[in-house]
Amino acid sequence: MVSPRFHRTHHAIGIGHETNGKGTLGGHNFAVLFPIWDVVFGTAYFSKDYALTGIRDQLPTPEGCSREYGAGFWSQQWLGLKRMFAAQKNTKEMH
């Protein structure tokens, strides 16, 4: 059975959804219940460590630049709406 640590690796920065820290799709530990599928397809990654999870551009950088994701539920919702409308506006301007 999939353990919480196994699943956490799927969401790990540079290990899980993204491959080699490049932000490209790929990664490890996709199984929902049985890790045998990851073993069969070569995507299993067993580690005793708890990898850092989250969104890469949300991490603090040496320059102090990281993307703002809001401090609380309502702030996050508001930022999401603003970004959605900005993206929609940019798409319309391109056409």
Protein backbone atom coordinates (compact mmCIF):
# COMPACT_ATOMS: atom_id res chain seq x y z
CA MET A 1 0.00 0.00 0.00
CA VAL A 2 1.10 3.56 -0.67
CA SER A 3 2.40 5.28 2.45
CA PRO A 4 2.16 8.99 3.25
CA ARG A 5 5.93 9.32 2.72
CA PHE A 6 5.69 7.61 -0.70
CA HIS A 7 2.89 9.96 -1.74
CA ARG A 8 4.70 13.02 -0.36
CA THR A 9 7.58 12.26 -2.72
CA HIS A 10 5.11 12.61 -5.61
CA HIS A 11 4.58 16.25 -4.56
CA ALA A 12 8.26 16.91 -3.80
CA ILE A 13 10.01 19.82 -5.49
CA GLY A 14 12.50 18.52 -8.04
CA ILE A 15 11.45 14.89 -7.49
CA GLY A 16 7.70 14.61 -7.89
CA HIS A 17 5.63 16.35 -10.55
CA GLU A 18 8.64 18.07 -12.08
CA THR A 19 11.70 16.28 -13.38
CA ASN A 20 15.25 17.30 -12.51
CA GLY A 21 14.04 20.62 -11.13
CA LYS A 22 13.29 21.85 -14.66
CA GLY A 23 9.57 22.30 -14.15
CA THR A 24 8.85 19.74 -16.86
CA LEU A 25 6.32 17.01 -16.31
CA GLY A 26 7.59 13.67 -15.17
CA GLY A 27 8.55 12.57 -11.72
CA HIS A 28 7.89 9.71 -9.37
CA ASN A 29 5.36 7.85 -7.26
CA PHE A 30 2.14 8.13 -9.24
CA ALA A 31 0.43 5.06 -7.74
CA VAL A 32 -2.82 5.71 -5.91
CA LEU A 33 -2.92 2.49 -3.87
CA PHE A 34 -0.27 0.03 -4.98
CA PRO A 35 3.34 1.16 -5.59
CA ILE A 36 3.91 -1.96 -7.70
CA TRP A 37 2.76 0.11 -10.72
CA ASP A 38 5.53 2.62 -10.12
CA VAL A 39 7.99 -0.25 -9.80
CA VAL A 40 6.77 -1.76 -13.09
CA PHE A 41 6.96 1.56 -14.97
CA GLY A 42 10.24 2.68 -13.37
CA THR A 43 8.79 5.71 -11.59
CA ALA A 44 9.09 4.38 -8.02
CA TYR A 45 11.35 6.36 -5.71
CA PHE A 46 11.74 5.06 -2.16
CA SER A 47 13.43 7.42 0.25
CA LYS A 48 13.73 7.57 4.01
CA ASP A 49 13.83 11.38 3.86
CA TYR A 50 10.88 13.75 3.87
CA ALA A 51 11.42 15.81 0.75
CA LEU A 52 10.46 19.48 0.52
CA THR A 53 7.04 19.83 -1.08
CA GLY A 54 5.20 22.76 -2.55
CA ILE A 55 5.55 25.16 -5.44
CA ARG A 56 9.08 26.10 -6.51
CA ASP A 57 8.41 29.82 -7.03
CA GLN A 58 6.82 30.04 -3.59
CA LEU A 59 10.13 29.28 -1.88
CA PRO A 60 12.25 32.15 -0.58
CA THR A 61 15.31 32.84 -2.73
CA PRO A 62 18.66 34.41 -1.82
CA GLU A 63 17.52 37.54 -3.66
CA GLY A 64 14.33 37.61 -1.60
CA CYS A 65 12.16 37.20 -4.71
CA SER A 66 9.38 34.68 -4.60
CA ARG A 67 5.87 34.78 -5.99
CA GLU A 68 3.16 35.95 -3.60
CA TYR A 69 0.50 33.31 -2.96
CA GLY A 70 -1.47 35.12 -0.28
CA ALA A 71 -1.53 34.89 3.48
CA GLY A 72 -4.81 33.13 4.17
CA PHE A 73 -7.77 31.66 2.34
CA TRP A 74 -9.45 34.86 1.10
CA SER A 75 -6.18 36.45 0.05
CA GLN A 76 -5.33 33.33 -1.96
CA GLN A 77 -8.73 33.38 -3.66
CA TRP A 78 -8.40 37.07 -4.54
CA LEU A 79 -4.90 36.61 -5.98
CA GLY A 80 -6.11 33.63 -8.02
CA LEU A 81 -8.97 35.66 -9.50
CA LYS A 82 -6.69 38.58 -10.35
CA ARG A 83 -4.22 36.26 -12.09
CA MET A 84 -7.01 34.49 -13.98
CA PHE A 85 -8.43 37.79 -15.29
CA ALA A 86 -4.94 39.08 -16.16
CA ALA A 87 -4.22 35.90 -18.13
CA GLN A 88 -7.57 36.20 -19.91
CA LYS A 89 -6.83 39.84 -20.79
CA ASN A 90 -3.37 38.92 -22.12
CA THR A 91 -4.87 36.14 -24.25
CA LYS A 92 -7.41 38.54 -25.80
CA GLU A 93 -4.67 41.13 -26.53
CA MET A 94 -2.64 38.49 -28.39
CA HIS A 95 -5.53 37.74 -30.75
